[in-house]
Amino acid sequence: MGFKKTVVVKALRHGGEALDTLLDWLGVASKEAKYLSKHSSKIADFLDSVTDEIEKKLLDFLIFQCDIPQGYARVIAGAITGILL
């Protein structure tokens, strides 16, 4: 998957500098930061599931609407979601 999404998901699951940066951006003492910290694992799970769903839908589109063979469509879908997410 995409580097940006991977970093955010790891930060949400494991904390560390990336999560601190996100919390700083929100304002560490803000209510939003508190909600983010409290629900970080659930948010990470959601981001993973949404990403998987987007890649599946894109793959179906490439195969059935664009008539791209499955093997090629997988590579294209992986590249697109890797860049976007």
C-alpha atoms as a PDB file:
ATOM      1  CA  MET A   1       0.000   0.000   0.000  1.00  0.00           C
ATOM      2  CA  GLY A   2       0.885   3.611  -0.103  1.00  0.00           C
ATOM      3  CA  PHE A   3       3.693   4.951   2.008  1.00  0.00           C
ATOM      4  CA  LYS A   4       1.601   7.785   3.479  1.00  0.00           C
ATOM      5  CA  LYS A   5      -1.199   5.487   4.599  1.00  0.00           C
ATOM      6  CA  THR A   6       1.250   2.960   5.989  1.00  0.00           C
ATOM      7  CA  VAL A   7       2.965   5.621   8.095  1.00  0.00           C
ATOM      8  CA  VAL A   8      -0.339   6.945   9.440  1.00  0.00           C
ATOM      9  CA  VAL A   9      -1.661   3.468  10.258  1.00  0.00           C
ATOM     10  CA  LYS A  10       1.575   2.469  12.018  1.00  0.00           C
ATOM     11  CA  ALA A  11       1.523   5.723  13.954  1.00  0.00           C
ATOM     12  CA  LEU A  12      -2.069   5.132  15.024  1.00  0.00           C
ATOM     13  CA  ARG A  13      -1.323   1.562  16.097  1.00  0.00           C
ATOM     14  CA  HIS A  14       2.069   1.980  17.715  1.00  0.00           C
ATOM     15  CA  GLY A  15       2.465   5.654  18.559  1.00  0.00           C
ATOM     16  CA  GLY A  16       5.869   7.199  18.177  1.00  0.00           C
ATOM     17  CA  GLU A  17       7.078  10.273  16.362  1.00  0.00           C
ATOM     18  CA  ALA A  18       4.544  10.103  13.529  1.00  0.00           C
ATOM     19  CA  LEU A  19       1.621  10.060  15.974  1.00  0.00           C
ATOM     20  CA  ASP A  20       3.207  12.875  17.972  1.00  0.00           C
ATOM     21  CA  THR A  21       3.438  14.924  14.771  1.00  0.00           C
ATOM     22  CA  LEU A  22      -0.222  14.266  14.012  1.00  0.00           C
ATOM     23  CA  LEU A  23      -1.246  15.198  17.542  1.00  0.00           C
ATOM     24  CA  ASP A  24       0.905  18.353  17.414  1.00  0.00           C
ATOM     25  CA  TRP A  25      -0.793  19.337  14.170  1.00  0.00           C
ATOM     26  CA  LEU A  26      -4.177  18.960  15.892  1.00  0.00           C
ATOM     27  CA  GLY A  27      -2.920  20.653  19.040  1.00  0.00           C
ATOM     28  CA  VAL A  28      -1.897  18.098  21.654  1.00  0.00           C
ATOM     29  CA  ALA A  29      -4.335  19.392  24.273  1.00  0.00           C
ATOM     30  CA  SER A  30      -7.253  19.673  21.837  1.00  0.00           C
ATOM     31  CA  LYS A  31     -10.366  17.562  22.093  1.00  0.00           C
ATOM     32  CA  GLU A  32      -9.674  16.225  18.600  1.00  0.00           C
ATOM     33  CA  ALA A  33      -6.266  14.936  19.684  1.00  0.00           C
ATOM     34  CA  LYS A  34      -7.820  13.238  22.694  1.00  0.00           C
ATOM     35  CA  TYR A  35     -10.422  11.527  20.519  1.00  0.00           C
ATOM     36  CA  LEU A  36      -7.718  10.503  18.053  1.00  0.00           C
ATOM     37  CA  SER A  37      -5.601   8.991  20.822  1.00  0.00           C
ATOM     38  CA  LYS A  38      -8.560   7.197  22.366  1.00  0.00           C
ATOM     39  CA  HIS A  39      -9.730   5.647  19.085  1.00  0.00           C
ATOM     40  CA  SER A  40      -6.443   5.335  17.212  1.00  0.00           C
ATOM     41  CA  SER A  41      -6.570   1.547  16.851  1.00  0.00           C
ATOM     42  CA  LYS A  42     -10.124   1.592  15.481  1.00  0.00           C
ATOM     43  CA  ILE A  43      -9.200   4.357  13.040  1.00  0.00           C
ATOM     44  CA  ALA A  44      -6.173   2.352  11.840  1.00  0.00           C
ATOM     45  CA  ASP A  45      -8.356  -0.726  11.268  1.00  0.00           C
ATOM     46  CA  PHE A  46     -10.859   1.376   9.325  1.00  0.00           C
ATOM     47  CA  LEU A  47      -8.149   2.885   7.114  1.00  0.00           C
ATOM     48  CA  ASP A  48      -6.851  -0.588   6.300  1.00  0.00           C
ATOM     49  CA  SER A  49     -10.312  -1.889   5.430  1.00  0.00           C
ATOM     50  CA  VAL A  50     -11.166   1.124   3.271  1.00  0.00           C
ATOM     51  CA  THR A  51      -7.891   0.834   1.392  1.00  0.00           C
ATOM     52  CA  ASP A  52      -8.501  -2.843   0.676  1.00  0.00           C
ATOM     53  CA  GLU A  53     -12.013  -2.064  -0.531  1.00  0.00           C
ATOM     54  CA  ILE A  54     -10.814   0.741  -2.817  1.00  0.00           C
ATOM     55  CA  GLU A  55      -8.176  -1.508  -4.366  1.00  0.00           C
ATOM     56  CA  LYS A  56     -10.742  -4.290  -4.948  1.00  0.00           C
ATOM     57  CA  LYS A  57     -13.186  -1.872  -6.614  1.00  0.00           C
ATOM     58  CA  LEU A  58     -10.439  -0.374  -8.753  1.00  0.00           C
ATOM     59  CA  LEU A  59      -9.293  -3.847  -9.772  1.00  0.00           C
ATOM     60  CA  ASP A  60     -12.842  -4.825 -10.778  1.00  0.00           C
ATOM     61  CA  PHE A  61     -13.183  -1.592 -12.747  1.00  0.00           C
ATOM     62  CA  LEU A  62      -9.927  -2.173 -14.604  1.00  0.00           C
ATOM     63  CA  ILE A  63     -10.849  -5.761 -15.453  1.00  0.00           C
ATOM     64  CA  PHE A  64     -14.541  -5.425 -16.293  1.00  0.00           C
ATOM     65  CA  GLN A  65     -14.862  -1.854 -17.565  1.00  0.00           C
ATOM     66  CA  CYS A  66     -11.468  -1.389 -19.201  1.00  0.00           C
ATOM     67  CA  ASP A  67     -10.935  -5.008 -20.319  1.00  0.00           C
ATOM     68  CA  ILE A  68      -7.430  -5.110 -18.856  1.00  0.00           C
ATOM     69  CA  PRO A  69      -6.226  -8.662 -18.159  1.00  0.00           C
ATOM     70  CA  GLN A  70      -6.260  -9.553 -14.453  1.00  0.00           C
ATOM     71  CA  GLY A  71      -2.490  -9.798 -13.982  1.00  0.00           C
ATOM     72  CA  TYR A  72      -1.878  -6.388 -15.513  1.00  0.00           C
ATOM     73  CA  ALA A  73      -4.858  -4.887 -13.712  1.00  0.00           C
ATOM     74  CA  ARG A  74      -3.449  -6.027 -10.337  1.00  0.00           C
ATOM     75  CA  VAL A  75      -0.156  -4.279 -11.003  1.00  0.00           C
ATOM     76  CA  ILE A  76      -1.899  -1.094 -12.162  1.00  0.00           C
ATOM     77  CA  ALA A  77      -4.307  -1.083  -9.195  1.00  0.00           C
ATOM     78  CA  GLY A  78      -1.428  -1.645  -6.780  1.00  0.00           C
ATOM     79  CA  ALA A  79       0.533   1.219  -8.316  1.00  0.00           C
ATOM     80  CA  ILE A  80      -2.413   3.622  -8.209  1.00  0.00           C
ATOM     81  CA  THR A  81      -3.400   2.846  -4.621  1.00  0.00           C
ATOM     82  CA  GLY A  82       0.253   2.884  -3.609  1.00  0.00           C
ATOM     83  CA  ILE A  83       0.585   6.448  -4.819  1.00  0.00           C
ATOM     84  CA  LEU A  84      -2.787   7.756  -3.676  1.00  0.00           C
ATOM     85  CA  LEU A  85      -3.132   6.111  -0.303  1.00  0.00           C
END
